[in-house]
Amino acid sequence: MMLWSAKQEPAEVWDEAIQWPIGDIEAAEKIRTICRAAASSAEQMTRLAGTSTRSEEKKHRLESGRYERAARVAMEIAMKVSDDLMRDAAVRDIVDLCLTANDMKTARILFRAIQAPSIRDMVVRDHPDLRQ
């Protein structure tokens, strides 16, 4: 006999508690996982921007909230990464997420935080409009 329980909202990867301290490698992997999981919300948010129907506006708000929470948590984790190169690589993942969401303001701020020339060069190659 199968019992049906109340529908539960799936937990988002960025809402999962982190048992600190975690190492830099684990932190960078967590950031990468968050950015990948939030990419679809960032894409939908951009696609739905400026829509006119109530259901599309509601969906836009939902996806915007998911993107913003994910980006915020990823940035909070990145601030705790002690290795400069690992942090820069993680921030690059967050910059890519921001650009998927068409969040140029946040992407530019984060891009300026990247110190490693090789990572900055890769970001500029992939996103030349950040050079400004």
Protein backbone atom coordinates (compact mmCIF):
# COMPACT_ATOMS: atom_id res chain seq x y z
CA MET A 1 0.00 0.00 0.00
CA MET A 2 1.41 3.37 -1.02
CA LEU A 3 0.87 6.41 1.18
CA TRP A 4 0.84 9.88 -0.32
CA SER A 5 2.27 12.63 1.80
CA ALA A 6 1.94 16.36 1.45
CA LYS A 7 3.97 17.75 -1.42
CA GLN A 8 7.25 19.16 -0.22
CA GLU A 9 9.20 21.80 -2.04
CA PRO A 10 12.56 20.49 -3.17
CA ALA A 11 15.43 21.99 -1.23
CA GLU A 12 17.71 24.16 -3.31
CA VAL A 13 21.41 23.34 -3.28
CA TRP A 14 22.16 26.88 -2.07
CA ASP A 15 19.78 26.44 0.88
CA GLU A 16 21.63 23.41 2.21
CA ALA A 17 23.48 24.02 5.45
CA ILE A 18 27.26 23.97 5.18
CA GLN A 19 29.21 22.41 8.01
CA TRP A 20 32.05 24.91 8.44
CA PRO A 21 34.93 24.79 8.16
CA ILE A 22 35.19 23.33 4.70
CA GLY A 23 38.31 23.40 2.57
CA ASP A 24 38.86 25.65 -0.42
CA ILE A 25 38.37 22.81 -2.89
CA GLU A 26 35.03 21.88 -1.34
CA ALA A 27 33.98 25.53 -1.27
CA ALA A 28 34.87 26.01 -4.95
CA GLU A 29 32.95 22.85 -5.85
CA LYS A 30 29.93 24.04 -3.86
CA ILE A 31 30.01 27.37 -5.71
CA ARG A 32 30.25 25.59 -9.07
CA THR A 33 27.31 23.36 -8.12
CA ILE A 34 25.23 26.35 -7.02
CA CYS A 35 25.98 28.26 -10.23
CA ARG A 36 25.06 25.27 -12.40
CA ALA A 37 21.83 24.69 -10.47
CA ALA A 38 20.83 28.35 -10.73
CA ALA A 39 21.70 28.75 -14.42
CA SER A 40 18.24 27.68 -15.60
CA SER A 41 16.62 30.27 -13.32
CA ALA A 42 19.00 32.93 -14.63
CA GLU A 43 18.12 31.99 -18.22
CA GLN A 44 14.38 32.00 -17.55
CA MET A 45 14.62 35.26 -15.64
CA THR A 46 16.25 36.90 -18.66
CA ARG A 47 13.76 35.36 -21.06
CA LEU A 48 10.77 36.47 -18.99
CA ALA A 49 12.01 40.03 -18.35
CA GLY A 50 9.42 42.56 -19.44
CA THR A 51 6.65 40.00 -19.93
CA SER A 52 3.10 41.15 -19.59
CA THR A 53 0.94 38.30 -18.34
CA ARG A 54 0.45 37.74 -14.63
CA SER A 55 1.64 34.15 -14.77
CA GLU A 56 4.81 35.19 -16.61
CA GLU A 57 5.42 38.03 -14.13
CA LYS A 58 4.96 35.60 -11.24
CA LYS A 59 7.36 33.13 -12.86
CA HIS A 60 9.87 35.96 -13.43
CA ARG A 61 9.72 36.94 -9.74
CA LEU A 62 10.16 33.31 -8.70
CA GLU A 63 13.17 32.77 -10.99
CA SER A 64 14.67 36.15 -9.99
CA GLY A 65 14.43 35.18 -6.34
CA ARG A 66 16.07 31.82 -6.99
CA TYR A 67 18.91 33.47 -8.95
CA GLU A 68 19.45 36.17 -6.32
CA ARG A 69 19.54 33.69 -3.42
CA ALA A 70 21.92 31.41 -5.29
CA ALA A 71 24.26 34.25 -6.27
CA ARG A 72 24.26 35.66 -2.74
CA VAL A 73 25.13 32.30 -1.15
CA ALA A 74 27.83 31.64 -3.78
CA MET A 75 29.39 35.05 -3.06
CA GLU A 76 29.28 34.43 0.70
CA ILE A 77 31.09 31.12 0.24
CA ALA A 78 33.63 32.69 -2.13
CA MET A 79 34.56 35.29 0.48
CA LYS A 80 35.69 32.46 2.77
CA VAL A 81 38.03 30.82 0.23
CA SER A 82 41.57 31.55 1.37
CA ASP A 83 43.48 30.47 -1.76
CA ASP A 84 43.53 33.43 -4.17
CA LEU A 85 43.53 31.36 -7.36
CA MET A 86 40.72 29.08 -6.15
CA ARG A 87 38.69 32.13 -5.11
CA ASP A 88 39.24 33.80 -8.50
CA ALA A 89 38.13 30.64 -10.31
CA ALA A 90 35.02 30.44 -8.13
CA VAL A 91 34.24 34.12 -8.68
CA ARG A 92 34.53 33.51 -12.42
CA ASP A 93 31.74 30.90 -12.10
CA ILE A 94 29.61 33.49 -10.30
CA VAL A 95 30.36 36.10 -12.99
CA ASP A 96 29.16 33.63 -15.63
CA LEU A 97 25.94 33.10 -13.65
CA CYS A 98 25.40 36.85 -13.35
CA LEU A 99 25.89 37.32 -17.06
CA THR A 100 23.40 34.53 -17.80
CA ALA A 101 20.92 36.53 -15.71
CA ASN A 102 21.90 39.72 -17.55
CA ASP A 103 23.03 41.16 -14.21
CA MET A 104 25.83 43.31 -15.61
CA LYS A 105 26.22 45.45 -12.50
CA THR A 106 27.04 42.50 -10.24
CA ALA A 107 29.12 40.80 -12.94
CA ARG A 108 31.32 43.91 -13.35
CA ILE A 109 31.82 44.27 -9.60
CA LEU A 110 32.82 40.61 -9.28
CA PHE A 111 35.02 40.79 -12.38
CA ARG A 112 37.02 43.61 -10.78
CA ALA A 113 37.61 41.35 -7.75
CA ILE A 114 39.40 38.73 -9.88
CA GLN A 115 43.15 39.20 -9.40
CA ALA A 116 44.71 36.36 -11.43
CA PRO A 117 45.61 37.67 -14.91
CA SER A 118 44.96 34.31 -16.55
CA ILE A 119 41.42 34.10 -15.17
CA ARG A 120 40.71 37.76 -15.98
CA ASP A 121 41.90 37.12 -19.55
CA MET A 122 39.60 34.08 -19.88
CA VAL A 123 36.61 36.08 -18.63
CA VAL A 124 37.32 38.96 -21.03
CA ARG A 125 37.77 36.50 -23.90
CA ASP A 126 34.39 34.93 -23.13
CA HIS A 127 32.66 38.22 -22.25
CA PRO A 128 34.39 41.15 -24.01
CA ASP A 129 31.75 43.62 -22.79
CA LEU A 130 33.20 43.34 -19.25
CA ARG A 131 36.38 45.05 -20.43
CA GLN A 132 34.72 48.48 -20.15
